[in-house]
C-alpha atoms as a PDB file:
ATOM      1  CA  MET A   1      70.776  60.471  -6.151  1.00  0.00           C
ATOM      2  CA  LYS A   2      71.947  64.049  -5.881  1.00  0.00           C
ATOM      3  CA  THR A   3      74.625  63.556  -8.562  1.00  0.00           C
ATOM      4  CA  PHE A   4      72.085  61.925 -10.880  1.00  0.00           C
ATOM      5  CA  LEU A   5      69.791  64.944 -10.591  1.00  0.00           C
ATOM      6  CA  ARG A   6      72.686  67.333 -11.173  1.00  0.00           C
ATOM      7  CA  ILE A   7      73.817  65.461 -14.270  1.00  0.00           C
ATOM      8  CA  THR A   8      70.256  65.355 -15.589  1.00  0.00           C
ATOM      9  CA  LEU A   9      69.970  69.109 -15.065  1.00  0.00           C
ATOM     10  CA  LEU A  10      73.313  69.665 -16.807  1.00  0.00           C
ATOM     11  CA  LEU A  11      72.165  67.534 -19.737  1.00  0.00           C
ATOM     12  CA  ILE A  12      68.909  69.483 -20.089  1.00  0.00           C
ATOM     13  CA  VAL A  13      70.697  72.843 -19.877  1.00  0.00           C
ATOM     14  CA  SER A  14      73.373  71.788 -22.380  1.00  0.00           C
ATOM     15  CA  VAL A  15      70.742  70.493 -24.823  1.00  0.00           C
ATOM     16  CA  LEU A  16      68.757  73.721 -24.593  1.00  0.00           C
ATOM     17  CA  LEU A  17      71.868  75.872 -24.977  1.00  0.00           C
ATOM     18  CA  GLN A  18      73.176  73.862 -27.899  1.00  0.00           C
ATOM     19  CA  GLN A  19      69.854  74.187 -29.706  1.00  0.00           C
ATOM     20  CA  ALA A  20      69.598  77.913 -28.964  1.00  0.00           C
ATOM     21  CA  LEU A  21      73.134  78.895 -29.949  1.00  0.00           C
ATOM     22  CA  PRO A  22      73.652  79.923 -33.572  1.00  0.00           C
ATOM     23  CA  GLY A  23      75.887  77.964 -35.899  1.00  0.00           C
ATOM     24  CA  TRP A  24      79.255  79.371 -36.924  1.00  0.00           C
ATOM     25  CA  PRO A  25      79.152  80.099 -40.675  1.00  0.00           C
ATOM     26  CA  ILE A  26      82.929  79.856 -41.053  1.00  0.00           C
ATOM     27  CA  PHE A  27      82.752  76.226 -39.881  1.00  0.00           C
ATOM     28  CA  ASN A  28      79.835  75.144 -42.074  1.00  0.00           C
ATOM     29  CA  ASN A  29      77.266  76.277 -39.477  1.00  0.00           C
ATOM     30  CA  LEU A  30      78.525  73.992 -36.715  1.00  0.00           C
ATOM     31  CA  LYS A  31      77.185  74.649 -33.250  1.00  0.00           C
ATOM     32  CA  PRO A  32      79.410  74.386 -30.181  1.00  0.00           C
ATOM     33  CA  PRO A  33      79.295  70.730 -29.026  1.00  0.00           C
ATOM     34  CA  LEU A  34      78.185  71.331 -25.451  1.00  0.00           C
ATOM     35  CA  ILE A  35      76.833  67.812 -25.022  1.00  0.00           C
ATOM     36  CA  GLY A  36      80.066  66.330 -26.346  1.00  0.00           C
ATOM     37  CA  ALA A  37      82.122  68.419 -23.935  1.00  0.00           C
ATOM     38  CA  LEU A  38      79.885  67.391 -21.044  1.00  0.00           C
ATOM     39  CA  LEU A  39      80.230  63.771 -22.156  1.00  0.00           C
ATOM     40  CA  VAL A  40      84.041  63.919 -22.052  1.00  0.00           C
ATOM     41  CA  HIS A  41      83.996  65.617 -18.649  1.00  0.00           C
ATOM     42  CA  ILE A  42      81.628  63.008 -17.203  1.00  0.00           C
ATOM     43  CA  ALA A  43      83.546  60.083 -18.726  1.00  0.00           C
ATOM     44  CA  PHE A  44      86.681  61.316 -16.945  1.00  0.00           C
ATOM     45  CA  ARG A  45      84.967  61.509 -13.565  1.00  0.00           C
ATOM     46  CA  LEU A  46      82.199  58.943 -13.218  1.00  0.00           C
ATOM     47  CA  PRO A  47      82.478  55.162 -13.032  1.00  0.00           C
ATOM     48  CA  ALA A  48      82.288  53.345 -16.363  1.00  0.00           C
ATOM     49  CA  ARG A  49      78.697  52.162 -15.897  1.00  0.00           C
ATOM     50  CA  SER A  50      77.423  55.661 -15.154  1.00  0.00           C
ATOM     51  CA  ALA A  51      79.394  57.100 -18.065  1.00  0.00           C
ATOM     52  CA  TRP A  52      77.827  54.591 -20.470  1.00  0.00           C
ATOM     53  CA  GLN A  53      74.338  55.335 -19.133  1.00  0.00           C
ATOM     54  CA  PHE A  54      74.877  59.043 -19.680  1.00  0.00           C
ATOM     55  CA  THR A  55      76.324  58.359 -23.139  1.00  0.00           C
ATOM     56  CA  LEU A  56      73.275  56.485 -24.357  1.00  0.00           C
ATOM     57  CA  ALA A  57      70.804  58.940 -22.839  1.00  0.00           C
ATOM     58  CA  SER A  58      72.583  61.981 -24.252  1.00  0.00           C
ATOM     59  CA  ALA A  59      72.991  60.370 -27.706  1.00  0.00           C
ATOM     60  CA  VAL A  60      69.273  59.611 -27.962  1.00  0.00           C
ATOM     61  CA  ILE A  61      68.323  63.133 -26.859  1.00  0.00           C
ATOM     62  CA  TYR A  62      70.927  64.768 -29.112  1.00  0.00           C
ATOM     63  CA  ASP A  63      69.859  62.820 -32.207  1.00  0.00           C
ATOM     64  CA  SER A  64      66.173  63.438 -31.588  1.00  0.00           C
ATOM     65  CA  LEU A  65      66.677  67.212 -31.611  1.00  0.00           C
ATOM     66  CA  GLU A  66      69.077  67.539 -34.552  1.00  0.00           C
ATOM     67  CA  PRO A  67      67.802  67.883 -38.112  1.00  0.00           C
ATOM     68  CA  GLY A  68      68.788  65.124 -40.474  1.00  0.00           C
ATOM     69  CA  PRO A  69      69.025  61.382 -40.039  1.00  0.00           C
ATOM     70  CA  TYR A  70      68.824  59.733 -36.665  1.00  0.00           C
ATOM     71  CA  GLY A  71      72.104  58.166 -35.642  1.00  0.00           C
ATOM     72  CA  PRO A  72      75.257  60.339 -35.795  1.00  0.00           C
ATOM     73  CA  ALA A  73      75.399  60.767 -32.025  1.00  0.00           C
ATOM     74  CA  LEU A  74      74.536  57.110 -31.466  1.00  0.00           C
ATOM     75  CA  LEU A  75      77.714  56.303 -33.405  1.00  0.00           C
ATOM     76  CA  ALA A  76      79.983  59.126 -32.220  1.00  0.00           C
ATOM     77  CA  PHE A  77      79.204  59.322 -28.488  1.00  0.00           C
ATOM     78  CA  PRO A  78      80.037  55.659 -27.715  1.00  0.00           C
ATOM     79  CA  ILE A  79      83.352  56.047 -29.566  1.00  0.00           C
ATOM     80  CA  ILE A  80      84.175  59.121 -27.482  1.00  0.00           C
ATOM     81  CA  THR A  81      83.182  57.400 -24.247  1.00  0.00           C
ATOM     82  CA  TYR A  82      85.154  54.270 -25.091  1.00  0.00           C
ATOM     83  CA  LEU A  83      88.312  56.248 -25.894  1.00  0.00           C
ATOM     84  CA  THR A  84      87.968  58.411 -22.777  1.00  0.00           C
ATOM     85  CA  LEU A  85      87.358  55.451 -20.480  1.00  0.00           C
ATOM     86  CA  ARG A  86      90.159  53.489 -22.110  1.00  0.00           C
ATOM     87  CA  PHE A  87      92.794  56.182 -21.583  1.00  0.00           C
ATOM     88  CA  ARG A  88      91.512  58.189 -18.608  1.00  0.00           C
ATOM     89  CA  HIS A  89      93.902  56.542 -16.154  1.00  0.00           C
ATOM     90  CA  ASP A  90      96.845  57.432 -18.392  1.00  0.00           C
ATOM     91  CA  LEU A  91      95.835  61.099 -18.746  1.00  0.00           C
ATOM     92  CA  PHE A  92      95.716  63.981 -16.311  1.00  0.00           C
ATOM     93  CA  GLY A  93      92.005  64.786 -16.569  1.00  0.00           C
ATOM     94  CA  ASN A  94      92.265  68.124 -14.770  1.00  0.00           C
ATOM     95  CA  GLY A  95      95.004  69.440 -17.055  1.00  0.00           C
ATOM     96  CA  VAL A  96      94.146  72.093 -19.612  1.00  0.00           C
ATOM     97  CA  ILE A  97      96.299  70.460 -22.303  1.00  0.00           C
ATOM     98  CA  THR A  98      94.488  67.135 -21.815  1.00  0.00           C
ATOM     99  CA  GLN A  99      91.154  68.925 -21.968  1.00  0.00           C
ATOM    100  CA  LEU A 100      92.183  70.725 -25.168  1.00  0.00           C
ATOM    101  CA  PHE A 101      93.278  67.460 -26.754  1.00  0.00           C
ATOM    102  CA  CYS A 102      90.264  65.407 -25.665  1.00  0.00           C
ATOM    103  CA  GLY A 103      87.809  68.153 -26.602  1.00  0.00           C
ATOM    104  CA  GLY A 104      89.392  68.505 -30.020  1.00  0.00           C
ATOM    105  CA  ILE A 105      89.310  64.762 -30.658  1.00  0.00           C
ATOM    106  CA  ALA A 106      85.689  64.577 -29.465  1.00  0.00           C
ATOM    107  CA  GLY A 107      84.713  67.472 -31.742  1.00  0.00           C
ATOM    108  CA  LEU A 108      86.528  65.829 -34.648  1.00  0.00           C
ATOM    109  CA  ILE A 109      84.779  62.495 -34.033  1.00  0.00           C
ATOM    110  CA  ILE A 110      81.350  64.135 -33.804  1.00  0.00           C
ATOM    111  CA  GLY A 111      82.005  66.197 -36.926  1.00  0.00           C
ATOM    112  CA  SER A 112      83.383  63.337 -38.985  1.00  0.00           C
ATOM    113  CA  VAL A 113      80.612  60.882 -38.067  1.00  0.00           C
ATOM    114  CA  ALA A 114      77.902  63.474 -38.738  1.00  0.00           C
ATOM    115  CA  THR A 115      79.531  64.531 -42.017  1.00  0.00           C
ATOM    116  CA  GLY A 116      79.855  60.921 -43.129  1.00  0.00           C
ATOM    117  CA  MET A 117      76.244  60.214 -42.234  1.00  0.00           C
ATOM    118  CA  TYR A 118      75.029  63.299 -44.106  1.00  0.00           C
ATOM    119  CA  LEU A 119      77.096  62.391 -47.147  1.00  0.00           C
ATOM    120  CA  VAL A 120      75.758  58.836 -47.239  1.00  0.00           C
ATOM    121  CA  THR A 121      72.119  59.815 -46.757  1.00  0.00           C
ATOM    122  CA  ASN A 122      72.371  63.084 -48.745  1.00  0.00           C
ATOM    123  CA  THR A 123      70.076  64.834 -46.266  1.00  0.00           C
ATOM    124  CA  ARG A 124      72.021  67.996 -45.549  1.00  0.00           C
ATOM    125  CA  PRO A 125      74.047  70.026 -47.996  1.00  0.00           C
ATOM    126  CA  LEU A 126      77.708  70.234 -47.072  1.00  0.00           C
ATOM    127  CA  ASP A 127      79.600  73.192 -48.481  1.00  0.00           C
ATOM    128  CA  SER A 128      82.996  72.047 -47.329  1.00  0.00           C
ATOM    129  CA  ILE A 129      83.856  68.843 -45.535  1.00  0.00           C
ATOM    130  CA  PHE A 130      87.243  70.230 -44.576  1.00  0.00           C
ATOM    131  CA  SER A 131      85.741  73.235 -42.778  1.00  0.00           C
ATOM    132  CA  SER A 132      83.334  70.939 -40.892  1.00  0.00           C
ATOM    133  CA  LEU A 133      86.141  68.707 -39.651  1.00  0.00           C
ATOM    134  CA  ILE A 134      88.530  71.524 -38.750  1.00  0.00           C
ATOM    135  CA  GLY A 135      85.645  73.440 -37.170  1.00  0.00           C
ATOM    136  CA  GLY A 136      84.683  70.460 -35.015  1.00  0.00           C
ATOM    137  CA  LEU A 137      88.286  70.073 -33.919  1.00  0.00           C
ATOM    138  CA  LEU A 138      88.759  73.755 -33.051  1.00  0.00           C
ATOM    139  CA  ILE A 139      85.389  74.359 -31.437  1.00  0.00           C
ATOM    140  CA  GLY A 140      85.689  71.169 -29.365  1.00  0.00           C
ATOM    141  CA  ALA A 141      89.229  72.060 -28.293  1.00  0.00           C
ATOM    142  CA  LEU A 142      88.177  75.557 -27.221  1.00  0.00           C
ATOM    143  CA  LEU A 143      84.963  74.548 -25.483  1.00  0.00           C
ATOM    144  CA  GLN A 144      86.174  71.537 -23.477  1.00  0.00           C
ATOM    145  CA  PRO A 145      88.577  73.382 -21.121  1.00  0.00           C
ATOM    146  CA  ILE A 146      86.033  76.141 -20.497  1.00  0.00           C
ATOM    147  CA  LEU A 147      83.236  73.715 -19.605  1.00  0.00           C
ATOM    148  CA  SER A 148      85.533  71.447 -17.578  1.00  0.00           C
ATOM    149  CA  GLN A 149      86.925  74.345 -15.566  1.00  0.00           C
ATOM    150  CA  LEU A 150      83.420  75.656 -14.848  1.00  0.00           C
ATOM    151  CA  LEU A 151      82.241  72.228 -13.688  1.00  0.00           C
ATOM    152  CA  GLN A 152      85.373  71.687 -11.573  1.00  0.00           C
ATOM    153  CA  LYS A 153      84.925  75.050  -9.858  1.00  0.00           C
ATOM    154  CA  SER A 154      81.242  74.386  -9.216  1.00  0.00           C
ATOM    155  CA  ASP A 155      82.063  70.942  -7.734  1.00  0.00           C
ATOM    156  CA  TRP A 156      78.815  69.493  -9.127  1.00  0.00           C
ATOM    157  CA  ILE A 157      80.456  66.282 -10.291  1.00  0.00           C
ATOM    158  CA  SER A 158      83.013  64.893  -7.894  1.00  0.00           C
ATOM    159  CA  GLN A 159      86.101  62.998  -9.025  1.00  0.00           C
ATOM    160  CA  GLU A 160      84.766  59.794  -7.509  1.00  0.00           C
ATOM    161  CA  GLY A 161      81.101  60.551  -8.088  1.00  0.00           C
ATOM    162  CA  SER A 162      78.432  58.108  -9.066  1.00  0.00           C
ATOM    163  CA  TRP A 163      74.761  58.237  -9.932  1.00  0.00           C
ATOM    164  CA  SER A 164      73.696  57.853  -6.318  1.00  0.00           C
END
């Protein structure tokens, strides 16, 4: 139960921070994907069932607070969770290089799904698709190791943790 409350608190804090942080104009006003980085970190550490529960909860909350159509996170977050769960036993989850790679891929997936959704629905103007995709890759790659190292040092989510 204690881990569940900690993860819920982390989700609330990351949602509030992500909404409060300004977008980066050089990357088509992308915000740092704090929820995506937290999702990758949790998918590496929690059992599959708990990771999927967090994925669905965070996707619903993320999509409800973002402007534009409802659904980019509901498409992107399960892809990220599936890939992380599929390959987490083959990767060294505590390694900085793995965190850089996984964060970059997660940022790229979030950026590409959101960009595709906005292009199809024509709800948000996109100045440059290339800057959105490269921005998602770079911001995700830079943010993931920082967030993972902070959470590892705080010991809030154990390697073998669960919801209870």
